Amino acid sequence: MNGKKALSEKRRCARVASLFKTLSHPQRLYLLCRLCDGESTVQDLQTACGAPQPVISQHLMRMRLEGLIAARRVGNSMHYRIADPQIPALIRSMEKIFSA
C-alpha cells in the first residue's frame, strides 16, 4: 500500500470513528432518527426526547459542527434537518439489523 492510500484510509477511518462516537450517545442517535423523518424544530425534538432544551441544543450543536445536520432560522425558532445524505441510509441499515 502506498503512502497516499494509507493516509486516505486513515482519514476515512478517523471520520467513521468520529461518526460512531456521535452515534454512540442514545439521545443523539434518537435525534438523528427523528430528523431522518424530516425537518424538526428544537421544541419538537425536545418534546419527542423529553429532555431539557439546553441538553437537546448541545447535542444538536455538536452534530452541526460535525456536518451531520444543518439548521435554518424561521422567526424565533430553529429548524434542523439531516445535512449528510449518508446518515438516513446508515440509520435505516441499523434499524434493519437491530430491530430483527
N, C-alpha and C. Protein backbone atom coordinates (compact mmCIF):
# COMPACT_ATOMS: atom_id res chain seq x y z
N MET A 1 0.85 -1.17 0.00
CA MET A 1 0.00 0.00 0.00
C MET A 1 0.90 1.24 0.00
N ASN A 2 0.59 2.16 -0.91
CA ASN A 2 1.42 3.36 -0.96
C ASN A 2 1.02 4.33 0.14
N GLY A 3 1.87 5.34 0.36
CA GLY A 3 1.66 6.30 1.44
C GLY A 3 0.37 7.10 1.31
N LYS A 4 0.04 7.53 0.08
CA LYS A 4 -1.19 8.32 -0.12
C LYS A 4 -2.43 7.50 0.18
N LYS A 5 -2.44 6.25 -0.25
CA LYS A 5 -3.60 5.41 0.00
C LYS A 5 -3.76 5.14 1.50
N ALA A 6 -2.64 4.88 2.18
CA ALA A 6 -2.69 4.63 3.62
C ALA A 6 -3.20 5.86 4.36
N LEU A 7 -2.74 7.04 3.96
CA LEU A 7 -3.20 8.27 4.60
C LEU A 7 -4.69 8.49 4.36
N SER A 8 -5.14 8.19 3.15
CA SER A 8 -6.55 8.31 2.81
C SER A 8 -7.40 7.37 3.67
N GLU A 9 -6.95 6.14 3.82
CA GLU A 9 -7.68 5.16 4.63
C GLU A 9 -7.71 5.58 6.10
N LYS A 10 -6.60 6.13 6.59
CA LYS A 10 -6.55 6.59 7.98
C LYS A 10 -7.53 7.74 8.20
N ARG A 11 -7.61 8.65 7.25
CA ARG A 11 -8.56 9.76 7.37
C ARG A 11 -10.00 9.26 7.34
N ARG A 12 -10.27 8.31 6.46
CA ARG A 12 -11.62 7.74 6.37
C ARG A 12 -11.97 7.02 7.67
N CYS A 13 -11.04 6.27 8.22
CA CYS A 13 -11.29 5.57 9.48
C CYS A 13 -11.53 6.57 10.62
N ALA A 14 -10.78 7.66 10.62
CA ALA A 14 -10.98 8.69 11.65
C ALA A 14 -12.36 9.30 11.53
N ARG A 15 -12.82 9.55 10.30
CA ARG A 15 -14.16 10.12 10.08
C ARG A 15 -15.24 9.15 10.54
N VAL A 16 -15.09 7.88 10.20
CA VAL A 16 -16.08 6.87 10.61
C VAL A 16 -16.07 6.71 12.13
N ALA A 17 -14.90 6.71 12.74
CA ALA A 17 -14.82 6.60 14.20
C ALA A 17 -15.50 7.77 14.88
N SER A 18 -15.31 8.97 14.33
CA SER A 18 -15.97 10.16 14.88
C SER A 18 -17.49 10.04 14.75
N LEU A 19 -17.94 9.56 13.61
CA LEU A 19 -19.38 9.37 13.41
C LEU A 19 -19.94 8.36 14.41
N PHE A 20 -19.26 7.23 14.58
CA PHE A 20 -19.73 6.23 15.53
C PHE A 20 -19.71 6.76 16.96
N LYS A 21 -18.74 7.60 17.28
CA LYS A 21 -18.70 8.20 18.61
C LYS A 21 -19.94 9.07 18.83
N THR A 22 -20.32 9.82 17.80
CA THR A 22 -21.53 10.63 17.89
C THR A 22 -22.76 9.75 18.03
N LEU A 23 -22.83 8.69 17.24
CA LEU A 23 -23.99 7.79 17.28
C LEU A 23 -24.05 6.97 18.56
N SER A 24 -22.94 6.89 19.29
CA SER A 24 -22.92 6.05 20.49
C SER A 24 -23.71 6.64 21.65
N HIS A 25 -24.07 7.91 21.56
CA HIS A 25 -24.90 8.50 22.61
C HIS A 25 -26.36 8.28 22.25
N PRO A 26 -27.13 7.63 23.12
CA PRO A 26 -28.52 7.29 22.78
C PRO A 26 -29.38 8.49 22.37
N GLN A 27 -29.19 9.62 23.04
CA GLN A 27 -30.03 10.77 22.71
C GLN A 27 -29.68 11.35 21.34
N ARG A 28 -28.40 11.40 21.00
CA ARG A 28 -28.01 11.89 19.67
C ARG A 28 -28.51 10.95 18.59
N LEU A 29 -28.41 9.66 18.84
CA LEU A 29 -28.91 8.69 17.87
C LEU A 29 -30.42 8.86 17.68
N TYR A 30 -31.13 9.06 18.76
CA TYR A 30 -32.58 9.26 18.68
C TYR A 30 -32.90 10.54 17.91
N LEU A 31 -32.17 11.60 18.16
CA LEU A 31 -32.39 12.85 17.43
C LEU A 31 -32.18 12.65 15.94
N LEU A 32 -31.13 11.94 15.58
CA LEU A 32 -30.90 11.67 14.16
C LEU A 32 -32.02 10.83 13.56
N CYS A 33 -32.49 9.85 14.31
CA CYS A 33 -33.61 9.03 13.83
C CYS A 33 -34.83 9.91 13.56
N ARG A 34 -35.12 10.81 14.48
CA ARG A 34 -36.25 11.72 14.30
C ARG A 34 -36.04 12.62 13.09
N LEU A 35 -34.83 13.12 12.91
CA LEU A 35 -34.55 14.01 11.79
C LEU A 35 -34.56 13.29 10.45
N CYS A 36 -34.37 11.99 10.47
CA CYS A 36 -34.48 11.21 9.22
C CYS A 36 -35.91 11.25 8.70
N ASP A 37 -36.87 11.50 9.58
CA ASP A 37 -38.27 11.61 9.18
C ASP A 37 -38.61 12.98 8.60
N GLY A 38 -37.70 13.93 8.73
CA GLY A 38 -37.91 15.26 8.19
C GLY A 38 -37.47 16.34 9.16
N GLU A 39 -37.51 17.54 8.69
CA GLU A 39 -37.09 18.70 9.46
C GLU A 39 -37.92 18.86 10.73
N SER A 40 -37.26 19.27 11.81
CA SER A 40 -37.94 19.48 13.10
C SER A 40 -37.37 20.70 13.80
N THR A 41 -38.20 21.29 14.64
CA THR A 41 -37.74 22.39 15.48
C THR A 41 -37.13 21.83 16.76
N VAL A 42 -36.41 22.68 17.46
CA VAL A 42 -35.86 22.28 18.75
C VAL A 42 -36.99 21.88 19.69
N GLN A 43 -38.07 22.63 19.65
CA GLN A 43 -39.20 22.35 20.53
C GLN A 43 -39.80 20.97 20.22
N ASP A 44 -39.95 20.65 18.94
CA ASP A 44 -40.46 19.33 18.56
C ASP A 44 -39.54 18.22 19.05
N LEU A 45 -38.24 18.43 18.89
CA LEU A 45 -37.26 17.42 19.31
C LEU A 45 -37.24 17.30 20.82
N GLN A 46 -37.38 18.41 21.51
CA GLN A 46 -37.42 18.39 22.97
C GLN A 46 -38.62 17.60 23.46
N THR A 47 -39.76 17.84 22.85
CA THR A 47 -40.98 17.11 23.23
C THR A 47 -40.80 15.62 22.97
N ALA A 48 -40.24 15.26 21.83
CA ALA A 48 -40.05 13.85 21.48
C ALA A 48 -39.07 13.16 22.42
N CYS A 49 -38.00 13.86 22.80
CA CYS A 49 -36.96 13.26 23.64
C CYS A 49 -37.28 13.33 25.13
N GLY A 50 -38.06 14.34 25.51
CA GLY A 50 -38.34 14.50 26.93
C GLY A 50 -37.15 15.01 27.72
N ALA A 51 -36.21 15.63 27.03
CA ALA A 51 -35.02 16.17 27.69
C ALA A 51 -35.10 17.69 27.72
N PRO A 52 -34.39 18.32 28.63
CA PRO A 52 -34.39 19.78 28.69
C PRO A 52 -33.82 20.40 27.41
N GLN A 53 -34.33 21.56 27.07
CA GLN A 53 -33.92 22.25 25.84
C GLN A 53 -32.40 22.47 25.76
N PRO A 54 -31.73 22.87 26.87
CA PRO A 54 -30.28 23.05 26.76
C PRO A 54 -29.53 21.77 26.38
N VAL A 55 -30.00 20.65 26.87
CA VAL A 55 -29.36 19.36 26.55
C VAL A 55 -29.54 19.05 25.06
N ILE A 56 -30.76 19.22 24.57
CA ILE A 56 -31.04 18.99 23.15
C ILE A 56 -30.19 19.91 22.30
N SER A 57 -30.13 21.18 22.68
CA SER A 57 -29.35 22.16 21.91
C SER A 57 -27.87 21.80 21.87
N GLN A 58 -27.33 21.29 22.97
CA GLN A 58 -25.92 20.88 22.98
C GLN A 58 -25.68 19.73 22.01
N HIS A 59 -26.56 18.76 22.01
CA HIS A 59 -26.41 17.63 21.09
C HIS A 59 -26.52 18.11 19.64
N LEU A 60 -27.48 18.98 19.38
CA LEU A 60 -27.67 19.49 18.02
C LEU A 60 -26.45 20.29 17.56
N MET A 61 -25.89 21.10 18.45
CA MET A 61 -24.70 21.89 18.10
C MET A 61 -23.54 20.98 17.74
N ARG A 62 -23.34 19.94 18.52
CA ARG A 62 -22.24 19.02 18.22
C ARG A 62 -22.43 18.39 16.84
N MET A 63 -23.66 17.96 16.56
CA MET A 63 -23.91 17.32 15.27
C MET A 63 -23.81 18.32 14.12
N ARG A 64 -24.14 19.58 14.37
CA ARG A 64 -23.95 20.63 13.35
C ARG A 64 -22.48 20.83 13.06
N LEU A 65 -21.67 20.91 14.11
CA LEU A 65 -20.22 21.11 13.94
C LEU A 65 -19.58 19.96 13.18
N GLU A 66 -20.14 18.78 13.34
CA GLU A 66 -19.62 17.60 12.64
C GLU A 66 -20.17 17.47 11.22
N GLY A 67 -21.09 18.35 10.85
CA GLY A 67 -21.64 18.34 9.50
C GLY A 67 -22.74 17.31 9.26
N LEU A 68 -23.27 16.74 10.33
CA LEU A 68 -24.31 15.73 10.19
C LEU A 68 -25.68 16.36 9.96
N ILE A 69 -25.90 17.51 10.60
CA ILE A 69 -27.18 18.19 10.46
C ILE A 69 -26.95 19.65 10.09
N ALA A 70 -28.00 20.29 9.62
CA ALA A 70 -27.96 21.71 9.29
C ALA A 70 -29.16 22.38 9.94
N ALA A 71 -29.08 23.70 10.08
CA ALA A 71 -30.16 24.44 10.73
C ALA A 71 -30.49 25.68 9.92
N ARG A 72 -31.73 26.10 10.08
CA ARG A 72 -32.16 27.37 9.49
C ARG A 72 -33.11 28.02 10.47
N ARG A 73 -33.04 29.33 10.53
CA ARG A 73 -33.91 30.08 11.43
C ARG A 73 -35.18 30.48 10.70
N VAL A 74 -36.30 30.26 11.36
CA VAL A 74 -37.61 30.70 10.87
C VAL A 74 -38.24 31.47 12.02
N GLY A 75 -38.27 32.78 11.91
CA GLY A 75 -38.77 33.59 13.00
C GLY A 75 -37.90 33.40 14.23
N ASN A 76 -38.51 32.97 15.31
CA ASN A 76 -37.78 32.76 16.56
C ASN A 76 -37.32 31.32 16.76
N SER A 77 -37.64 30.45 15.84
CA SER A 77 -37.29 29.03 16.05
C SER A 77 -36.25 28.55 15.05
N MET A 78 -35.50 27.56 15.49
CA MET A 78 -34.50 26.91 14.63
C MET A 78 -35.09 25.60 14.12
N HIS A 79 -34.92 25.36 12.84
CA HIS A 79 -35.37 24.13 12.21
C HIS A 79 -34.14 23.33 11.80
N TYR A 80 -34.11 22.08 12.20
CA TYR A 80 -32.96 21.20 11.94
C TYR A 80 -33.35 20.13 10.94
N ARG A 81 -32.34 19.74 10.14
CA ARG A 81 -32.53 18.68 9.14
C ARG A 81 -31.21 17.93 8.98
N ILE A 82 -31.29 16.77 8.39
CA ILE A 82 -30.10 15.99 8.09
C ILE A 82 -29.33 16.69 6.97
N ALA A 83 -28.03 16.87 7.15
CA ALA A 83 -27.20 17.51 6.12
C ALA A 83 -26.36 16.50 5.36
N ASP A 84 -26.00 15.42 6.03
CA ASP A 84 -25.16 14.39 5.41
C ASP A 84 -26.08 13.33 4.81
N PRO A 85 -26.09 13.21 3.48
CA PRO A 85 -27.02 12.27 2.85
C PRO A 85 -26.77 10.80 3.19
N GLN A 86 -25.64 10.49 3.77
CA GLN A 86 -25.36 9.10 4.14
C GLN A 86 -26.04 8.71 5.45
N ILE A 87 -26.41 9.69 6.26
CA ILE A 87 -26.98 9.41 7.58
C ILE A 87 -28.30 8.63 7.49
N PRO A 88 -29.28 9.06 6.67
CA PRO A 88 -30.53 8.28 6.61
C PRO A 88 -30.31 6.82 6.19
N ALA A 89 -29.41 6.60 5.25
CA ALA A 89 -29.13 5.23 4.82
C ALA A 89 -28.50 4.42 5.96
N LEU A 90 -27.61 5.04 6.69
CA LEU A 90 -26.97 4.37 7.82
C LEU A 90 -28.00 4.05 8.91
N ILE A 91 -28.86 5.01 9.22
CA ILE A 91 -29.89 4.80 10.24
C ILE A 91 -30.83 3.67 9.82
N ARG A 92 -31.27 3.69 8.55
CA ARG A 92 -32.16 2.63 8.07
C ARG A 92 -31.47 1.27 8.14
N SER A 93 -30.20 1.21 7.80
CA SER A 93 -29.47 -0.07 7.88
C SER A 93 -29.39 -0.56 9.33
N MET A 94 -29.11 0.34 10.25
CA MET A 94 -29.05 -0.06 11.65
C MET A 94 -30.40 -0.51 12.16
N GLU A 95 -31.48 0.18 11.73
CA GLU A 95 -32.82 -0.24 12.14
C GLU A 95 -33.11 -1.65 11.65
N LYS A 96 -32.73 -1.96 10.40
CA LYS A 96 -32.95 -3.31 9.86
C LYS A 96 -32.19 -4.34 10.66
N ILE A 97 -30.94 -4.04 10.96
CA ILE A 97 -30.09 -5.01 11.66
C ILE A 97 -30.56 -5.23 13.10
N PHE A 98 -30.87 -4.15 13.80
CA PHE A 98 -31.13 -4.26 15.23
C PHE A 98 -32.59 -4.41 15.61
N SER A 99 -33.50 -4.28 14.66
CA SER A 99 -34.91 -4.48 15.02
C SER A 99 -35.38 -5.89 14.71
N ALA A 100 -34.52 -6.69 14.14
CA ALA A 100 -34.88 -8.07 13.81
C ALA A 100 -34.90 -8.95 15.05
